[in-house]
Protein backbone atom coordinates (compact mmCIF):
# COMPACT_ATOMS: atom_id res chain seq x y z
CA MET A 1 26.11 -18.40 4.28
CA ALA A 2 28.90 -15.47 5.10
CA ALA A 3 30.69 -14.69 2.04
CA LEU A 4 29.02 -16.29 0.16
CA MET A 5 30.14 -16.02 -4.07
CA THR A 6 27.59 -15.17 -6.51
CA PRO A 7 27.54 -17.19 -9.53
CA GLY A 8 27.92 -15.20 -12.29
CA THR A 9 29.21 -11.70 -11.06
CA GLY A 10 33.30 -11.05 -11.28
CA ALA A 11 36.05 -14.29 -11.29
CA PRO A 12 35.02 -17.73 -9.64
CA PRO A 13 38.31 -18.19 -6.92
CA ALA A 14 41.70 -19.86 -7.69
CA PRO A 15 40.81 -23.32 -8.13
CA GLY A 16 41.94 -25.78 -4.78
CA ASP A 17 44.99 -27.18 -5.63
CA PHE A 18 43.07 -31.33 -5.38
CA SER A 19 46.10 -33.12 -4.45
CA GLY A 20 46.49 -32.81 -1.03
CA GLU A 21 48.08 -29.48 -1.03
CA GLY A 22 45.98 -27.37 0.14
CA SER A 23 43.45 -24.18 -1.20
CA GLN A 24 44.54 -21.13 -2.50
CA GLY A 25 43.79 -17.73 0.19
CA LEU A 26 43.30 -19.89 3.05
CA PRO A 27 46.76 -19.13 6.07
CA ASP A 28 49.27 -21.31 6.87
CA PRO A 29 48.92 -23.93 8.57
CA SER A 30 49.67 -23.83 12.02
CA PRO A 31 52.50 -25.80 13.29
CA GLU A 32 50.26 -26.60 16.42
CA PRO A 33 47.61 -28.48 15.37
CA LYS A 34 44.43 -27.93 17.82
CA GLN A 35 42.90 -29.95 20.54
CA LEU A 36 38.70 -30.59 19.16
CA PRO A 37 37.37 -28.80 22.47
CA GLU A 38 38.93 -25.77 21.32
CA LEU A 39 37.81 -25.90 17.67
CA ILE A 40 34.33 -26.88 18.16
CA ARG A 41 34.49 -23.46 20.89
CA MET A 42 36.55 -21.51 17.67
CA LYS A 43 33.52 -22.14 15.67
CA ARG A 44 31.10 -21.74 18.25
CA ASP A 45 31.56 -18.69 19.22
CA GLY A 46 31.24 -18.00 15.29
CA GLY A 47 34.89 -17.86 14.63
CA ARG A 48 36.43 -19.09 10.95
CA LEU A 49 38.23 -21.81 11.00
CA SER A 50 41.96 -23.10 9.08
CA GLU A 51 42.56 -25.37 6.62
CA ALA A 52 44.59 -26.82 9.23
CA ASP A 53 41.84 -27.02 12.04
CA ILE A 54 39.17 -28.59 9.26
CA ARG A 55 41.14 -31.07 7.86
CA GLY A 56 42.11 -32.20 11.28
CA PHE A 57 38.89 -32.31 12.71
CA VAL A 58 37.90 -34.47 9.39
CA ALA A 59 41.20 -36.54 10.38
CA ALA A 60 39.81 -37.49 13.53
CA VAL A 61 36.55 -38.20 12.71
CA VAL A 62 38.67 -40.95 10.19
CA ASN A 63 40.60 -42.50 12.57
CA GLY A 64 37.63 -42.60 15.36
CA SER A 65 39.47 -40.05 17.91
CA ALA A 66 36.87 -37.73 17.97
CA GLN A 67 33.95 -38.44 20.67
CA GLY A 68 30.24 -38.58 19.19
CA ALA A 69 29.85 -36.12 21.27
CA GLN A 70 32.46 -34.47 19.47
CA ILE A 71 31.15 -34.59 15.88
CA GLY A 72 27.71 -34.07 16.87
CA ALA A 73 28.48 -30.40 19.06
CA MET A 74 30.82 -29.14 15.60
CA LEU A 75 27.75 -29.93 13.49
CA MET A 76 25.62 -28.41 16.00
CA ALA A 77 27.67 -25.00 15.41
CA ILE A 78 28.54 -25.47 11.61
CA ARG A 79 25.04 -25.44 11.53
CA LEU A 80 24.37 -22.44 13.69
CA ARG A 81 27.44 -20.25 12.84
CA GLY A 82 27.94 -20.87 9.26
CA MET A 83 30.81 -21.53 7.49
CA ASP A 84 32.73 -19.31 3.94
CA LEU A 85 32.69 -20.37 1.18
CA GLU A 86 36.55 -21.02 1.13
CA GLU A 87 35.97 -23.06 4.43
CA THR A 88 33.13 -25.47 2.61
CA SER A 89 35.94 -25.87 0.02
CA VAL A 90 38.21 -27.51 2.45
CA LEU A 91 35.78 -29.29 3.87
CA THR A 92 34.66 -30.43 0.99
CA GLN A 93 38.75 -31.65 -0.32
CA ALA A 94 39.06 -33.02 3.36
CA LEU A 95 36.59 -35.54 2.96
CA ALA A 96 36.59 -35.61 -0.28
CA GLN A 97 40.20 -37.10 -0.05
CA SER A 98 40.01 -38.99 3.20
CA GLY A 99 39.26 -42.30 1.24
CA GLN A 100 40.22 -43.74 -2.16
CA GLN A 101 40.51 -42.05 -5.43
CA LEU A 102 38.84 -43.21 -9.03
CA GLU A 103 41.25 -43.23 -11.81
CA TRP A 104 40.74 -42.86 -15.25
CA PRO A 105 41.89 -42.92 -18.59
CA GLU A 106 43.35 -39.58 -19.19
CA ALA A 107 40.96 -39.52 -22.94
CA TRP A 108 37.71 -39.62 -20.70
CA ARG A 109 39.10 -36.60 -19.44
CA GLN A 110 36.32 -33.69 -20.99
CA GLN A 111 33.82 -36.95 -20.86
CA LEU A 112 32.95 -37.46 -17.53
CA VAL A 113 29.58 -35.80 -16.14
CA ASP A 114 27.07 -36.47 -13.77
CA LYS A 115 24.21 -35.67 -11.95
CA HIS A 116 22.68 -35.78 -8.31
CA SER A 117 19.12 -34.51 -7.16
CA THR A 118 18.16 -33.57 -3.30
CA GLY A 119 15.47 -35.88 -3.82
CA GLY A 120 11.92 -36.32 -4.71
CA VAL A 121 8.72 -38.22 -5.10
CA GLY A 122 8.70 -40.16 -8.76
CA ASP A 123 11.85 -38.59 -9.38
CA LYS A 124 13.52 -40.92 -11.84
CA VAL A 125 15.59 -39.26 -14.28
CA SER A 126 18.99 -40.83 -12.99
CA LEU A 127 17.75 -44.11 -15.42
CA VAL A 128 16.59 -41.98 -18.52
CA LEU A 129 19.32 -39.55 -17.95
CA ALA A 130 22.50 -41.80 -17.46
CA PRO A 131 21.88 -43.73 -20.31
CA ALA A 132 20.96 -40.73 -22.65
CA LEU A 133 24.10 -39.05 -21.87
CA ALA A 134 26.13 -41.72 -22.56
CA ALA A 135 24.68 -42.05 -25.94
CA CYS A 136 25.54 -38.94 -26.47
CA GLY A 137 29.69 -39.33 -25.86
CA CYS A 138 29.65 -39.45 -22.01
CA LYS A 139 31.02 -41.59 -19.65
CA VAL A 140 28.53 -41.14 -16.31
CA PRO A 141 30.22 -43.14 -13.65
CA MET A 142 27.54 -42.60 -10.96
CA ILE A 143 27.17 -43.66 -7.41
CA SER A 144 24.04 -43.08 -5.78
CA GLY A 145 22.04 -43.88 -3.27
CA ARG A 146 19.66 -45.97 -1.72
CA GLY A 147 15.44 -44.40 -0.32
CA LEU A 148 15.20 -43.15 3.44
CA GLY A 149 12.07 -41.72 4.50
CA HIS A 150 9.32 -40.50 1.89
CA THR A 151 11.95 -39.99 -0.97
CA GLY A 152 12.86 -43.11 -3.32
CA GLY A 153 16.62 -44.27 -4.19
CA THR A 154 17.98 -45.07 -7.73
CA LEU A 155 19.71 -47.88 -6.39
CA ASP A 156 16.26 -49.27 -4.82
CA LYS A 157 14.52 -49.22 -8.34
CA LEU A 158 17.03 -50.32 -10.28
CA GLU A 159 17.36 -53.48 -7.95
CA SER A 160 13.69 -54.44 -8.85
CA ILE A 161 14.95 -55.36 -12.17
CA PRO A 162 15.80 -59.34 -11.25
CA GLY A 163 19.46 -59.81 -11.45
CA PHE A 164 20.98 -55.69 -10.99
CA ASN A 165 23.72 -55.52 -8.99
CA VAL A 166 24.66 -52.30 -7.67
CA ILE A 167 27.65 -53.70 -5.52
CA GLN A 168 30.61 -54.94 -7.21
CA SER A 169 33.01 -57.24 -6.59
CA PRO A 170 35.59 -55.59 -3.00
CA GLU A 171 38.36 -58.11 -4.61
CA GLN A 172 38.97 -55.97 -7.39
CA GLY A 173 39.19 -52.25 -6.88
CA MET A 174 36.42 -49.51 -7.69
CA SER A 175 37.87 -47.51 -10.44
CA ASP A 176 38.88 -51.25 -12.54
CA GLN A 177 35.06 -52.33 -12.10
CA MET A 178 33.83 -49.38 -13.35
CA GLN A 179 35.98 -48.76 -15.85
CA VAL A 180 34.97 -52.15 -17.32
CA LEU A 181 31.32 -50.58 -17.15
CA LEU A 182 31.91 -47.48 -18.61
CA ASP A 183 33.81 -49.28 -21.63
CA GLN A 184 31.39 -51.85 -21.92
CA ALA A 185 27.95 -49.45 -22.00
CA GLY A 186 29.12 -45.90 -21.08
CA CYS A 187 27.45 -45.41 -18.23
CA CYS A 188 26.96 -47.38 -14.48
CA ILE A 189 24.63 -46.58 -11.35
CA VAL A 190 26.75 -48.72 -8.15
CA GLY A 191 26.49 -48.12 -4.62
CA GLN A 192 29.02 -45.87 -2.91
CA SER A 193 31.98 -48.41 -1.47
CA GLU A 194 32.99 -47.95 2.11
CA GLN A 195 36.19 -47.42 0.31
CA LEU A 196 35.19 -43.59 -0.94
CA VAL A 197 34.96 -40.81 1.51
CA PRO A 198 34.63 -42.58 4.74
CA ALA A 199 34.18 -39.53 6.63
CA ASP A 200 31.09 -37.52 4.96
CA GLY A 201 29.69 -42.14 5.80
CA ILE A 202 29.95 -40.80 9.42
CA LEU A 203 28.87 -36.71 9.40
CA TYR A 204 25.75 -37.60 7.40
CA ALA A 205 24.65 -41.09 10.11
CA ALA A 206 25.23 -38.42 12.17
CA ARG A 207 23.90 -35.66 11.06
CA ASP A 208 20.85 -37.67 10.49
CA VAL A 209 20.30 -37.99 14.31
CA THR A 210 21.63 -34.64 15.24
CA ALA A 211 19.06 -32.24 13.62
CA THR A 212 22.16 -30.67 11.50
CA VAL A 213 20.17 -32.32 8.26
CA ASP A 214 19.98 -28.47 6.78
CA SER A 215 22.85 -27.35 7.35
CA LEU A 216 24.49 -25.57 3.67
CA PRO A 217 27.92 -25.88 3.63
CA LEU A 218 27.85 -29.38 5.54
CA ILE A 219 24.67 -30.22 2.83
CA THR A 220 26.96 -28.90 -0.36
CA ALA A 221 30.35 -30.34 1.21
CA SER A 222 28.21 -33.79 1.16
CA ILE A 223 27.47 -33.95 -2.26
CA LEU A 224 30.10 -32.44 -3.89
CA SER A 225 33.04 -34.63 -2.12
CA LYS A 226 31.85 -37.94 -3.11
CA LYS A 227 30.90 -35.96 -6.72
CA LEU A 228 34.46 -34.67 -6.73
CA VAL A 229 36.68 -37.78 -6.09
CA GLU A 230 34.83 -39.25 -10.15
CA GLY A 231 37.09 -36.74 -12.22
CA LEU A 232 34.45 -35.46 -13.68
CA SER A 233 34.24 -32.39 -16.04
CA ALA A 234 30.88 -30.60 -15.33
CA LEU A 235 28.43 -31.62 -12.43
CA VAL A 236 24.32 -30.98 -12.71
CA VAL A 237 22.57 -30.99 -9.29
CA ASP A 238 18.78 -30.56 -9.58
CA VAL A 239 18.04 -29.32 -6.15
CA LYS A 240 14.74 -29.86 -5.29
CA PHE A 241 11.90 -27.65 -3.64
CA GLY A 242 8.31 -27.63 -2.69
CA GLY A 243 5.91 -29.81 -0.42
CA ALA A 244 8.01 -32.86 -0.99
CA ALA A 245 11.36 -31.25 -0.30
CA VAL A 246 14.13 -29.84 1.21
CA PHE A 247 13.50 -26.44 1.06
CA PRO A 248 10.11 -25.37 0.71
CA ASN A 249 10.86 -22.31 -0.90
CA GLN A 250 12.83 -21.40 -4.46
CA GLU A 251 14.93 -18.79 -2.34
CA GLN A 252 16.15 -21.58 0.18
CA ALA A 253 16.84 -23.40 -2.68
CA ARG A 254 19.08 -21.51 -4.62
CA GLU A 255 20.81 -20.65 -1.51
CA LEU A 256 22.00 -23.93 -1.73
CA ALA A 257 22.16 -23.82 -5.84
CA LYS A 258 24.56 -20.72 -5.21
CA THR A 259 26.68 -22.41 -2.90
CA LEU A 260 27.14 -25.26 -4.59
CA VAL A 261 28.35 -23.85 -8.32
CA GLY A 262 30.67 -21.22 -6.00
CA VAL A 263 32.15 -24.42 -4.02
CA GLY A 264 32.20 -26.32 -7.39
CA ALA A 265 34.37 -23.79 -9.23
CA SER A 266 37.16 -22.74 -5.87
CA LEU A 267 37.50 -26.57 -6.64
CA GLY A 268 37.95 -26.45 -10.64
CA LEU A 269 34.49 -28.30 -11.02
CA ARG A 270 32.23 -26.84 -13.10
CA VAL A 271 28.29 -27.36 -11.70
CA ALA A 272 25.35 -26.20 -12.16
CA ALA A 273 22.41 -26.07 -10.48
CA ALA A 274 19.06 -26.58 -11.20
CA LEU A 275 16.00 -25.71 -8.99
CA THR A 276 12.77 -27.80 -10.10
CA ALA A 277 9.79 -28.30 -8.02
CA MET A 278 8.60 -31.33 -6.07
CA ASP A 279 4.80 -30.43 -5.27
CA LYS A 280 2.95 -32.94 -6.95
CA PRO A 281 4.99 -36.73 -8.57
CA LEU A 282 7.68 -36.32 -11.26
CA GLY A 283 5.63 -38.35 -13.55
CA ARG A 284 2.94 -40.29 -13.38
CA CYS A 285 4.07 -43.42 -11.27
CA VAL A 286 5.90 -43.93 -7.46
CA GLY A 287 6.91 -47.26 -6.27
CA HIS A 288 10.56 -48.76 -7.82
CA ALA A 289 8.89 -51.78 -10.34
CA LEU A 290 6.96 -48.82 -11.71
CA GLU A 291 9.44 -46.20 -11.67
CA VAL A 292 11.09 -48.40 -13.91
CA GLU A 293 8.77 -48.31 -16.46
CA GLU A 294 8.35 -45.18 -16.43
CA ALA A 295 11.92 -44.76 -17.44
CA LEU A 296 11.47 -47.33 -20.29
CA LEU A 297 8.52 -45.37 -21.49
CA CYS A 298 10.82 -41.61 -21.75
CA MET A 299 14.05 -43.91 -23.26
CA ASP A 300 11.07 -45.13 -26.31
CA GLY A 301 10.88 -41.29 -26.50
CA ALA A 302 7.23 -41.76 -25.39
CA GLY A 303 6.12 -40.88 -21.56
CA PRO A 304 5.08 -37.85 -18.87
CA PRO A 305 5.92 -34.39 -20.38
CA ASP A 306 7.40 -33.26 -17.21
CA LEU A 307 9.97 -36.57 -16.84
CA ARG A 308 11.66 -35.79 -19.90
CA ASP A 309 11.39 -32.04 -19.33
CA LEU A 310 14.03 -32.33 -17.31
CA VAL A 311 15.62 -34.79 -18.04
CA THR A 312 16.54 -32.97 -21.34
CA THR A 313 16.79 -29.97 -20.10
CA LEU A 314 19.34 -32.05 -17.20
CA GLY A 315 20.70 -33.38 -19.99
CA GLY A 316 20.99 -30.54 -22.68
CA ALA A 317 23.21 -28.57 -19.39
CA LEU A 318 26.09 -30.99 -18.95
CA LEU A 319 26.49 -31.25 -23.19
CA TRP A 320 27.00 -27.63 -22.84
CA LEU A 321 29.20 -27.47 -19.44
CA SER A 322 31.40 -30.12 -20.68
CA GLY A 323 31.93 -29.21 -24.17
CA HIS A 324 30.10 -32.07 -26.13
CA ALA A 325 27.03 -29.06 -27.00
CA GLY A 326 27.46 -25.13 -28.12
CA THR A 327 24.91 -23.61 -26.14
CA GLN A 328 22.36 -25.62 -24.11
CA ALA A 329 19.81 -25.89 -26.72
CA GLN A 330 21.73 -27.74 -28.49
CA GLY A 331 22.47 -30.06 -25.84
CA ALA A 332 19.07 -30.20 -24.91
CA ALA A 333 17.55 -31.49 -28.34
CA ARG A 334 20.94 -34.16 -28.57
CA VAL A 335 19.76 -36.14 -25.73
CA ALA A 336 15.89 -35.61 -26.40
CA ALA A 337 17.27 -37.65 -29.98
CA ALA A 338 18.71 -39.91 -28.64
CA LEU A 339 15.39 -40.74 -26.57
CA ASP A 340 13.58 -40.63 -29.85
CA ASP A 341 15.56 -42.67 -31.94
CA GLY A 342 16.57 -45.82 -29.20
CA SER A 343 20.04 -45.28 -28.75
CA ALA A 344 19.46 -44.21 -24.76
CA LEU A 345 18.00 -47.50 -24.25
CA GLY A 346 20.71 -49.09 -26.26
CA ARG A 347 22.66 -48.35 -23.34
CA PHE A 348 20.80 -48.89 -21.08
CA GLU A 349 20.73 -52.38 -22.38
CA ARG A 350 23.97 -52.60 -22.50
CA MET A 351 23.84 -51.33 -18.42
CA LEU A 352 21.63 -53.43 -17.17
CA ALA A 353 24.07 -56.06 -18.97
CA ALA A 354 27.01 -55.32 -17.79
CA GLN A 355 25.87 -55.14 -13.91
CA GLY A 356 24.58 -58.50 -13.59
CA VAL A 357 20.88 -58.35 -15.40
CA ASP A 358 20.52 -62.08 -17.92
CA PRO A 359 20.76 -60.39 -21.35
CA GLY A 360 17.74 -61.75 -22.65
CA LEU A 361 16.37 -60.35 -19.82
CA ALA A 362 17.45 -57.26 -20.25
CA ARG A 363 16.69 -57.33 -24.53
CA ALA A 364 13.32 -58.32 -23.79
CA LEU A 365 12.60 -55.19 -20.72
CA CYS A 366 14.22 -52.89 -23.41
CA SER A 367 11.85 -54.15 -26.59
CA GLY A 368 9.25 -55.57 -24.92
CA SER A 369 5.29 -53.70 -24.83
CA PRO A 370 5.00 -52.00 -21.40
CA ALA A 371 2.19 -55.08 -21.70
CA GLU A 372 5.38 -57.23 -21.60
CA ARG A 373 8.32 -55.58 -19.51
CA ARG A 374 5.38 -55.65 -17.41
CA GLN A 375 5.12 -59.01 -16.70
CA LEU A 376 8.75 -59.49 -16.26
CA LEU A 377 8.80 -56.42 -12.90
CA PRO A 378 8.18 -57.33 -9.45
CA ARG A 379 3.86 -57.12 -9.30
CA ALA A 380 2.00 -56.44 -6.42
CA ARG A 381 -0.67 -58.86 -5.70
CA GLU A 382 -4.19 -56.14 -5.38
CA GLN A 383 -4.84 -52.67 -7.13
CA GLU A 384 -7.32 -50.92 -5.42
CA GLU A 385 -8.63 -47.67 -7.75
CA LEU A 386 -9.69 -43.95 -5.63
CA LEU A 387 -12.42 -41.94 -7.60
CA ALA A 388 -12.69 -38.56 -8.17
CA PRO A 389 -15.00 -36.72 -4.62
CA ALA A 390 -16.36 -33.73 -7.01
CA ASP A 391 -16.13 -32.37 -10.70
CA GLY A 392 -13.41 -29.87 -10.91
CA THR A 393 -9.88 -29.29 -12.18
CA VAL A 394 -6.91 -31.01 -11.44
CA GLU A 395 -5.27 -27.93 -9.90
CA LEU A 396 -2.74 -30.16 -8.19
CA VAL A 397 -1.04 -33.40 -6.63
CA ARG A 398 0.18 -33.48 -3.51
CA ALA A 399 3.63 -35.82 -3.30
CA LEU A 400 4.37 -35.60 0.33
CA PRO A 401 1.00 -37.77 1.05
CA LEU A 402 1.18 -39.58 -1.58
CA ALA A 403 4.79 -40.99 -0.72
CA LEU A 404 3.52 -41.25 3.16
CA VAL A 405 1.64 -43.47 2.74
CA LEU A 406 2.85 -45.76 -0.08
CA HIS A 407 6.09 -46.08 2.83
CA GLU A 408 3.33 -47.27 5.12
CA LEU A 409 2.25 -49.67 2.90
CA GLY A 410 5.90 -50.71 2.03
CA ALA A 411 7.54 -48.76 -0.66
CA GLY A 412 9.78 -47.12 1.54
CA ARG A 413 11.92 -47.93 4.44
CA SER A 414 12.33 -45.60 8.43
CA ARG A 415 15.65 -47.67 8.62
CA ALA A 416 18.70 -48.00 6.36
CA GLY A 417 18.67 -51.64 5.69
CA GLU A 418 15.02 -52.58 5.76
CA PRO A 419 13.49 -54.78 2.88
CA LEU A 420 11.12 -53.27 0.56
CA ARG A 421 8.20 -54.14 -1.56
CA LEU A 422 9.36 -53.47 -4.73
CA GLY A 423 6.14 -54.01 -6.34
CA VAL A 424 3.84 -51.42 -3.90
CA GLY A 425 3.16 -47.81 -5.87
CA ALA A 426 0.62 -46.07 -7.44
CA GLU A 427 -0.01 -44.30 -10.83
CA LEU A 428 -1.57 -41.29 -11.00
CA LEU A 429 -4.35 -41.88 -14.22
CA VAL A 430 -5.15 -37.67 -14.42
CA ASP A 431 -3.43 -35.17 -15.60
CA VAL A 432 -2.79 -31.93 -13.36
CA GLY A 433 -4.91 -28.91 -15.37
CA GLN A 434 -6.89 -31.69 -16.75
CA ARG A 435 -11.65 -31.54 -15.76
CA LEU A 436 -12.20 -34.84 -13.48
CA ARG A 437 -15.61 -35.02 -13.06
CA ARG A 438 -16.77 -36.81 -9.29
CA GLY A 439 -15.95 -40.69 -9.99
CA THR A 440 -13.08 -41.37 -12.31
CA PRO A 441 -11.08 -43.16 -10.98
CA TRP A 442 -7.78 -41.26 -10.65
CA LEU A 443 -4.94 -43.02 -8.67
CA ARG A 444 -4.24 -46.69 -9.16
CA VAL A 445 -2.76 -47.97 -5.48
CA HIS A 446 -0.81 -51.55 -6.19
CA ARG A 447 -0.45 -52.44 -2.74
CA ASP A 448 0.29 -56.19 -1.50
CA GLY A 449 -1.09 -56.40 1.31
CA PRO A 450 -5.24 -55.31 2.75
CA ALA A 451 -7.54 -52.98 1.80
CA LEU A 452 -6.65 -49.12 1.78
CA SER A 453 -7.06 -48.49 5.76
CA GLY A 454 -9.45 -45.60 6.53
CA PRO A 455 -6.40 -43.32 7.16
CA GLN A 456 -5.27 -43.67 4.31
CA SER A 457 -7.95 -43.41 1.73
CA ARG A 458 -8.45 -40.44 3.42
CA ALA A 459 -5.05 -38.76 3.07
CA LEU A 460 -4.70 -39.47 -0.25
CA GLN A 461 -7.82 -38.22 -1.08
CA GLU A 462 -6.61 -35.24 0.73
CA ALA A 463 -3.71 -35.22 -1.88
CA LEU A 464 -5.89 -34.57 -5.31
CA VAL A 465 -6.56 -31.13 -5.01
CA LEU A 466 -9.57 -29.57 -7.45
CA SER A 467 -10.30 -26.43 -8.46
CA ASP A 468 -13.26 -24.42 -10.21
CA ARG A 469 -11.00 -23.01 -13.01
CA ALA A 470 -10.48 -23.63 -16.47
CA PRO A 471 -8.66 -26.99 -17.65
CA PHE A 472 -4.89 -25.44 -18.73
CA ALA A 473 -1.79 -26.42 -19.81
CA ALA A 474 0.86 -28.28 -16.36
CA PRO A 475 4.09 -25.61 -15.61
CA SER A 476 7.14 -27.80 -16.11
CA PRO A 477 9.20 -28.50 -12.60
CA PHE A 478 12.42 -26.82 -14.25
CA ALA A 479 12.21 -23.17 -12.54
CA GLU A 480 15.73 -22.16 -13.02
CA LEU A 481 19.77 -22.85 -14.12
CA VAL A 482 21.87 -21.62 -11.50
CA LEU A 483 25.27 -21.17 -13.61
CA PRO A 484 29.25 -21.02 -12.93
CA PRO A 485 31.43 -17.85 -13.07
CA GLN A 486 32.86 -18.82 -16.93
CA GLN A 487 29.15 -19.18 -18.27
């Protein structure tokens, strides 16, 4: 990335004008719009695109005048040549303005917050964080996605709850529907409408088949454009790094984090980016219904410490950024209190009922014991336990091979629209740092089909990494927080 502003140093760029009049600091739009081949050639040769150039390209994408080959060529040119901060800001703004804008009551202006994750294994943070933030006085209009490949989708997890509806009625405007949900529960988790950021939907699909998914400006514009239309006061992005993440190491993740924070600042959006490790699954459960159970456990004030730690850290940063807490630590303490006193669970119950779940079922899920909850959610037909092959200390449970096997068993999809086996998943029976004896069960696989194949069993056993060192406390997945300049 050229000309990348490092958050925390100097003053932020002047906020862009989100009314459509353009971003400050760019040259005046040229009177004659350039043709797409000329724009592609400019970026291919390392040139800088003007605001008019970028808006012209996005308009051509939306109105259909850009051919598929031209879209792919432009994406590859951006992937290879990069974009500076101002180009990325204009692209983000143009994508956001390609469809409907969400509108809220003026009184909500400082209450609106959201969180986004770049995707991980066992990442059920959104299910816990949205109601916890609502319990702390925020409004959380979360527009989420589905799983594709080895990472699970928040919408798919919620749809394992019978009756939960992620798609609202097309007859009513999305703003109106989400406003009703936010009035009732303080939070909602819904799917993206075709009327919201349609240009991003087209570019996202093209990136997937043109090997341009890992372009920093394209990732940044895709994430932030969807959040700009929400009219947020503050946003936290969970940027994953490690063996089961888009970015293999913390340095690459930090580069995206700085870009997200810098572009957010240039558009008047307070963005913080948390760097979190994704080598092992988050929590102990992977799989849709199993992750809902674990999220409920976290909202009971219990559950795995790494999940609770990430929820309180991200929530604390959001409460601080939006002015709901004086410091990050105070914000984290407020989120922890919402988990411990039942108020987050109460908000979750209200969200379920508002989004189509029978109120009796919502109450039973939120007030029942773990055993009772399991009876109310989809369950796989069989369970199979794997035994530790040797004595040792659990150094790591690799997330990627675990996720890939569960994908084969039906927990994931290879193409959009494929049905999922919502009860399929796995429970870790051990913690990182724990001493383990040979023959002790360490993993319970929930499956619908026949017994695990030889290759599947081997892949899972190889996911367990044992060492000779003494038992130790597992580190938090949270590594660092990149903050906007004014903080």
